[in-house]
C-alpha atoms as a PDB file:
ATOM      1  CA  UNK A   1      94.568   0.124 175.274  1.00  0.00           C
ATOM      2  CA  UNK A   2      90.841  -0.369 175.819  1.00  0.00           C
ATOM      3  CA  UNK A   3      90.208   0.597 172.169  1.00  0.00           C
ATOM      4  CA  UNK A   4      92.201  -2.412 170.967  1.00  0.00           C
ATOM      5  CA  UNK A   5      90.453  -4.706 173.448  1.00  0.00           C
ATOM      6  CA  UNK A   6      87.066  -3.477 172.306  1.00  0.00           C
ATOM      7  CA  UNK A   7      87.999  -3.984 168.652  1.00  0.00           C
ATOM      8  CA  UNK A   8      89.299  -7.493 169.357  1.00  0.00           C
ATOM      9  CA  UNK A   9      86.114  -8.334 171.266  1.00  0.00           C
ATOM     10  CA  UNK A  10      83.964  -6.974 168.446  1.00  0.00           C
ATOM     11  CA  UNK A  11      85.872  -8.984 165.821  1.00  0.00           C
ATOM     12  CA  UNK A  12      85.605 -12.149 167.958  1.00  0.00           C
ATOM     13  CA  UNK A  13      81.846 -11.691 168.371  1.00  0.00           C
ATOM     14  CA  UNK A  14      81.456 -11.097 164.624  1.00  0.00           C
ATOM     15  CA  UNK A  15      83.407 -14.258 163.758  1.00  0.00           C
ATOM     16  CA  UNK A  16      81.405 -16.358 166.232  1.00  0.00           C
ATOM     17  CA  UNK A  17      78.146 -14.934 164.855  1.00  0.00           C
ATOM     18  CA  UNK A  18      79.187 -15.825 161.293  1.00  0.00           C
ATOM     19  CA  UNK A  19      80.017 -19.400 162.360  1.00  0.00           C
ATOM     20  CA  UNK A  20      76.721 -19.730 164.227  1.00  0.00           C
ATOM     21  CA  UNK A  21      74.716 -18.452 161.263  1.00  0.00           C
ATOM     22  CA  UNK A  22      76.681 -20.767 158.952  1.00  0.00           C
ATOM     23  CA  UNK A  23      75.852 -23.816 161.052  1.00  0.00           C
ATOM     24  CA  UNK A  24      72.175 -22.843 161.167  1.00  0.00           C
ATOM     25  CA  UNK A  25      72.149 -22.302 157.387  1.00  0.00           C
ATOM     26  CA  UNK A  26      73.783 -25.696 156.756  1.00  0.00           C
ATOM     27  CA  UNK A  27      71.251 -27.400 159.031  1.00  0.00           C
ATOM     28  CA  UNK A  28      68.394 -25.887 157.017  1.00  0.00           C
ATOM     29  CA  UNK A  29      69.787 -27.286 153.738  1.00  0.00           C
ATOM     30  CA  UNK A  30      67.986 -29.395 151.174  1.00  0.00           C
ATOM     31  CA  UNK A  31      66.110 -32.389 152.464  1.00  0.00           C
ATOM     32  CA  UNK A  32      66.758 -35.319 150.157  1.00  0.00           C
ATOM     33  CA  UNK A  33      64.547 -38.355 149.864  1.00  0.00           C
ATOM     34  CA  UNK A  34      65.820 -41.903 149.437  1.00  0.00           C
ATOM     35  CA  UNK A  35      66.326 -43.031 145.859  1.00  0.00           C
ATOM     36  CA  UNK A  36      63.354 -44.970 144.539  1.00  0.00           C
ATOM     37  CA  UNK A  37      62.927 -46.730 141.232  1.00  0.00           C
ATOM     38  CA  UNK A  38      60.175 -45.395 139.008  1.00  0.00           C
ATOM     39  CA  UNK A  39      57.373 -47.799 138.064  1.00  0.00           C
ATOM     40  CA  UNK A  40      58.558 -48.056 134.473  1.00  0.00           C
ATOM     41  CA  UNK A  41      62.003 -49.144 135.676  1.00  0.00           C
ATOM     42  CA  UNK A  42      60.574 -52.269 137.329  1.00  0.00           C
ATOM     43  CA  UNK A  43      59.034 -53.811 134.228  1.00  0.00           C
ATOM     44  CA  UNK A  44      60.185 -55.198 130.872  1.00  0.00           C
ATOM     45  CA  UNK A  45      63.826 -54.995 129.908  1.00  0.00           C
ATOM     46  CA  UNK A  46      64.457 -52.358 132.582  1.00  0.00           C
ATOM     47  CA  UNK A  47      63.502 -54.680 135.452  1.00  0.00           C
ATOM     48  CA  UNK A  48      66.217 -55.648 137.939  1.00  0.00           C
ATOM     49  CA  UNK A  49      67.767 -58.993 137.070  1.00  0.00           C
ATOM     50  CA  UNK A  50      66.565 -62.042 138.949  1.00  0.00           C
ATOM     51  CA  UNK A  51      69.357 -63.494 141.033  1.00  0.00           C
ATOM     52  CA  UNK A  52      69.790 -67.240 141.185  1.00  0.00           C
ATOM     53  CA  UNK A  53      72.059 -68.911 143.747  1.00  0.00           C
ATOM     54  CA  UNK A  54      75.454 -70.029 142.405  1.00  0.00           C
ATOM     55  CA  UNK A  55      75.696 -73.497 140.873  1.00  0.00           C
ATOM     56  CA  UNK A  56      76.428 -76.286 143.341  1.00  0.00           C
ATOM     57  CA  UNK A  57      74.995 -74.557 146.390  1.00  0.00           C
ATOM     58  CA  UNK A  58      72.109 -75.831 148.469  1.00  0.00           C
ATOM     59  CA  UNK A  59      69.855 -74.403 151.167  1.00  0.00           C
ATOM     60  CA  UNK A  60      70.052 -75.558 154.761  1.00  0.00           C
ATOM     61  CA  UNK A  61      66.862 -76.085 156.824  1.00  0.00           C
ATOM     62  CA  UNK A  62      66.947 -72.403 157.873  1.00  0.00           C
ATOM     63  CA  UNK A  63      66.884 -71.195 154.241  1.00  0.00           C
ATOM     64  CA  UNK A  64      70.514 -70.063 154.072  1.00  0.00           C
ATOM     65  CA  UNK A  65      72.570 -70.822 150.965  1.00  0.00           C
ATOM     66  CA  UNK A  66      75.490 -73.148 151.738  1.00  0.00           C
ATOM     67  CA  UNK A  67      78.504 -74.231 149.681  1.00  0.00           C
ATOM     68  CA  UNK A  68      79.183 -77.920 149.009  1.00  0.00           C
ATOM     69  CA  UNK A  69      81.033 -79.755 151.781  1.00  0.00           C
ATOM     70  CA  UNK A  70      84.460 -79.654 150.069  1.00  0.00           C
ATOM     71  CA  UNK A  71      84.351 -75.885 149.560  1.00  0.00           C
ATOM     72  CA  UNK A  72      83.471 -74.649 153.048  1.00  0.00           C
END
């Protein structure tokens, strides 16, 4: 009976070791950097569109865009 116990213990240790190594491997994965626009993408026709506030809105004294009184 001790042969089966030893085999079960060995298999359990092997499975736990594989999981541990897998978690370590995943943690060491590729480091990605945040997406940045290239310089040529910020000029000419490739530049991001300027955004204007919607028609009929106005800014309050704090600089927030507000809707007209009837649309609040």
